[in-house]
C-alpha atoms as a PDB file:
ATOM      1  CA  MET A   1      24.052  39.630  -4.350  1.00  0.00           C
ATOM      2  CA  LYS A   2      24.417  38.201  -7.833  1.00  0.00           C
ATOM      3  CA  ASN A   3      25.110  34.793  -6.257  1.00  0.00           C
ATOM      4  CA  THR A   4      21.942  35.030  -4.189  1.00  0.00           C
ATOM      5  CA  ILE A   5      19.871  35.804  -7.293  1.00  0.00           C
ATOM      6  CA  LYS A   6      21.498  32.943  -9.232  1.00  0.00           C
ATOM      7  CA  LYS A   7      20.825  30.536  -6.350  1.00  0.00           C
ATOM      8  CA  SER A   8      17.239  31.708  -6.111  1.00  0.00           C
ATOM      9  CA  MET A   9      16.678  31.210  -9.848  1.00  0.00           C
ATOM     10  CA  HIS A  10      18.359  27.842  -9.688  1.00  0.00           C
ATOM     11  CA  ILE A  11      16.065  26.746  -6.834  1.00  0.00           C
ATOM     12  CA  GLN A  12      13.022  28.032  -8.737  1.00  0.00           C
ATOM     13  CA  THR A  13      14.054  26.016 -11.784  1.00  0.00           C
ATOM     14  CA  ILE A  14      14.483  22.872  -9.722  1.00  0.00           C
ATOM     15  CA  VAL A  15      11.103  23.358  -8.007  1.00  0.00           C
ATOM     16  CA  ALA A  16       9.396  23.949 -11.369  1.00  0.00           C
ATOM     17  CA  ALA A  17      11.004  20.837 -12.820  1.00  0.00           C
ATOM     18  CA  MET A  18       9.947  18.724  -9.825  1.00  0.00           C
ATOM     19  CA  PHE A  19       6.397  20.088 -10.138  1.00  0.00           C
ATOM     20  CA  ALA A  20       6.283  19.181 -13.833  1.00  0.00           C
ATOM     21  CA  VAL A  21       7.583  15.668 -13.158  1.00  0.00           C
ATOM     22  CA  GLY A  22       5.106  15.194 -10.293  1.00  0.00           C
ATOM     23  CA  LEU A  23       2.240  16.400 -12.451  1.00  0.00           C
ATOM     24  CA  GLY A  24       3.313  14.023 -15.201  1.00  0.00           C
ATOM     25  CA  LEU A  25       3.428  11.122 -12.748  1.00  0.00           C
ATOM     26  CA  LEU A  26      -0.018  11.915 -11.399  1.00  0.00           C
ATOM     27  CA  THR A  27      -1.633  12.035 -14.800  1.00  0.00           C
ATOM     28  CA  GLY A  28       0.180   8.880 -15.907  1.00  0.00           C
ATOM     29  CA  CYS A  29      -1.226   6.757 -13.052  1.00  0.00           C
ATOM     30  CA  GLU A  30      -4.542   6.008 -14.680  1.00  0.00           C
ATOM     31  CA  GLU A  31      -5.183   2.379 -15.425  1.00  0.00           C
ATOM     32  CA  PRO A  32      -5.296   1.812 -19.168  1.00  0.00           C
ATOM     33  CA  SER A  33      -8.561   0.412 -20.385  1.00  0.00           C
ATOM     34  CA  PRO A  34      -8.330  -3.258 -21.348  1.00  0.00           C
ATOM     35  CA  PRO A  35      -8.046  -3.912 -25.060  1.00  0.00           C
ATOM     36  CA  LYS A  36     -11.214  -4.976 -26.766  1.00  0.00           C
ATOM     37  CA  PRO A  37     -11.205  -8.628 -27.748  1.00  0.00           C
ATOM     38  CA  ALA A  38     -10.691  -9.172 -31.419  1.00  0.00           C
ATOM     39  CA  GLU A  39     -13.644 -10.622 -33.222  1.00  0.00           C
ATOM     40  CA  SER A  40     -12.831 -13.993 -34.656  1.00  0.00           C
ATOM     41  CA  THR A  41     -14.539 -15.777 -37.481  1.00  0.00           C
ATOM     42  CA  THR A  42     -12.968 -19.120 -36.592  1.00  0.00           C
ATOM     43  CA  THR A  43     -13.497 -21.200 -33.510  1.00  0.00           C
ATOM     44  CA  ALA A  44     -10.641 -22.633 -31.523  1.00  0.00           C
ATOM     45  CA  ALA A  45     -10.146 -26.358 -31.656  1.00  0.00           C
ATOM     46  CA  PRO A  46     -11.158 -28.078 -28.435  1.00  0.00           C
ATOM     47  CA  THR A  47      -8.246 -28.956 -26.222  1.00  0.00           C
ATOM     48  CA  VAL A  48      -7.606 -32.634 -25.757  1.00  0.00           C
ATOM     49  CA  PRO A  49      -6.031 -33.763 -22.501  1.00  0.00           C
ATOM     50  CA  PRO A  50      -2.792 -35.705 -22.906  1.00  0.00           C
ATOM     51  CA  ALA A  51      -3.028 -39.456 -22.944  1.00  0.00           C
ATOM     52  CA  ILE A  52      -2.496 -41.068 -19.581  1.00  0.00           C
ATOM     53  CA  PRO A  53       0.023 -43.893 -19.759  1.00  0.00           C
ATOM     54  CA  ALA A  54      -0.991 -47.260 -18.405  1.00  0.00           C
ATOM     55  CA  ALA A  55      -0.010 -47.471 -14.771  1.00  0.00           C
ATOM     56  CA  ALA A  56       1.852 -50.346 -13.222  1.00  0.00           C
ATOM     57  CA  PRO A  57      -0.108 -52.426 -10.727  1.00  0.00           C
ATOM     58  CA  THR A  58      -0.395 -50.594  -7.422  1.00  0.00           C
ATOM     59  CA  ILE A  59      -2.018 -50.971  -4.042  1.00  0.00           C
ATOM     60  CA  GLN A  60      -5.710 -50.407  -4.624  1.00  0.00           C
ATOM     61  CA  ALA A  61      -9.135 -51.503  -3.533  1.00  0.00           C
ATOM     62  CA  ALA A  62      -9.718 -55.145  -4.342  1.00  0.00           C
ATOM     63  CA  ALA A  63     -11.794 -55.911  -7.434  1.00  0.00           C
ATOM     64  CA  ALA A  64     -12.489 -59.386  -6.094  1.00  0.00           C
ATOM     65  CA  PRO A  65     -11.556 -60.933  -2.760  1.00  0.00           C
ATOM     66  CA  PRO A  66      -7.968 -62.239  -2.753  1.00  0.00           C
ATOM     67  CA  THR A  67      -7.426 -65.944  -2.286  1.00  0.00           C
ATOM     68  CA  ASN A  68      -3.658 -66.262  -1.860  1.00  0.00           C
ATOM     69  CA  LYS A  69      -2.525 -67.629   1.524  1.00  0.00           C
ATOM     70  CA  SER A  70       1.097 -66.553   1.098  1.00  0.00           C
ATOM     71  CA  CYS A  71       2.808 -63.390  -0.103  1.00  0.00           C
ATOM     72  CA  PRO A  72       3.696 -63.746  -3.806  1.00  0.00           C
ATOM     73  CA  VAL A  73       6.967 -61.865  -3.175  1.00  0.00           C
ATOM     74  CA  SER A  74       8.354 -63.307   0.071  1.00  0.00           C
ATOM     75  CA  GLY A  75       6.338 -66.501   0.479  1.00  0.00           C
ATOM     76  CA  ASP A  76       5.382 -65.482   4.038  1.00  0.00           C
ATOM     77  CA  PRO A  77       1.892 -66.506   5.166  1.00  0.00           C
ATOM     78  CA  THR A  78      -0.925 -63.992   4.622  1.00  0.00           C
ATOM     79  CA  ASP A  79      -4.536 -63.802   5.724  1.00  0.00           C
ATOM     80  CA  PRO A  80      -6.774 -62.641   2.850  1.00  0.00           C
ATOM     81  CA  SER A  81      -9.395 -61.462   5.364  1.00  0.00           C
ATOM     82  CA  ASP A  82      -6.943 -59.021   7.069  1.00  0.00           C
ATOM     83  CA  PRO A  83      -7.861 -55.519   5.777  1.00  0.00           C
ATOM     84  CA  ASP A  84      -4.571 -54.035   7.041  1.00  0.00           C
ATOM     85  CA  LEU A  85      -2.384 -56.017   4.636  1.00  0.00           C
ATOM     86  CA  ALA A  86      -1.210 -54.457   1.371  1.00  0.00           C
ATOM     87  CA  ARG A  87      -3.148 -55.493  -1.717  1.00  0.00           C
ATOM     88  CA  VAL A  88      -2.315 -55.327  -5.417  1.00  0.00           C
ATOM     89  CA  THR A  89      -4.360 -56.228  -8.469  1.00  0.00           C
ATOM     90  CA  TYR A  90      -2.716 -57.768 -11.508  1.00  0.00           C
ATOM     91  CA  ASN A  91      -4.570 -59.087 -14.571  1.00  0.00           C
ATOM     92  CA  GLY A  92      -7.872 -58.847 -12.736  1.00  0.00           C
ATOM     93  CA  GLN A  93      -6.678 -60.902  -9.743  1.00  0.00           C
ATOM     94  CA  THR A  94      -6.130 -59.326  -6.326  1.00  0.00           C
ATOM     95  CA  TYR A  95      -3.181 -60.485  -4.232  1.00  0.00           C
ATOM     96  CA  VAL A  96      -2.493 -59.884  -0.529  1.00  0.00           C
ATOM     97  CA  LEU A  97       1.105 -59.019   0.341  1.00  0.00           C
ATOM     98  CA  CYS A  98       2.678 -59.624   3.733  1.00  0.00           C
ATOM     99  CA  CYS A  99       3.901 -56.006   4.027  1.00  0.00           C
ATOM    100  CA  PRO A 100       3.915 -52.705   2.091  1.00  0.00           C
ATOM    101  CA  SER A 101       7.616 -53.085   1.207  1.00  0.00           C
ATOM    102  CA  CYS A 102       6.773 -56.106  -0.978  1.00  0.00           C
ATOM    103  CA  THR A 103       4.614 -53.840  -3.173  1.00  0.00           C
ATOM    104  CA  ASP A 104       7.571 -52.305  -5.052  1.00  0.00           C
ATOM    105  CA  GLU A 105       9.106 -55.684  -5.818  1.00  0.00           C
ATOM    106  CA  PHE A 106       5.726 -57.055  -6.944  1.00  0.00           C
ATOM    107  CA  ASN A 107       5.135 -54.017  -9.184  1.00  0.00           C
ATOM    108  CA  ALA A 108       8.609 -54.372 -10.732  1.00  0.00           C
ATOM    109  CA  ASP A 109       7.775 -57.813 -12.155  1.00  0.00           C
ATOM    110  CA  PRO A 110       4.345 -59.165 -11.148  1.00  0.00           C
ATOM    111  CA  ALA A 111       4.550 -62.297 -13.309  1.00  0.00           C
ATOM    112  CA  LYS A 112       7.860 -63.296 -11.708  1.00  0.00           C
ATOM    113  CA  ALA A 113       6.513 -62.713  -8.187  1.00  0.00           C
ATOM    114  CA  ILE A 114       3.410 -64.789  -8.849  1.00  0.00           C
ATOM    115  CA  LYS A 115       5.366 -67.689 -10.403  1.00  0.00           C
ATOM    116  CA  ALA A 116       7.888 -67.783  -7.574  1.00  0.00           C
ATOM    117  CA  HIS A 117       5.389 -68.768  -4.880  1.00  0.00           C
ATOM    118  CA  HIS A 118       2.610 -70.591  -6.692  1.00  0.00           C
END
């Protein structure tokens, strides 16, 4: 009988402890109110976007109609009126390339490409 009483008291203690923990969890679930913003007497400096480095010549819309009749990279014939051909602009002049793969070589050294076939 003593064991039964001890077990009963032990179970009551466990139940009471679980109730206390549960009650603590329930009351701790409230969202804390957001902190009030601190008043500042100084103003933050405006953010300045980082400088954008100058880009290498790339395929882009023509600033002026191209006049070259051959690709400055390969020397293959080109038709400046063909809108499907790759175009690059270098020093204000637009050049038509025979194919998109010539664009990388042109962009690597435009002056060399232009000299080679002019």
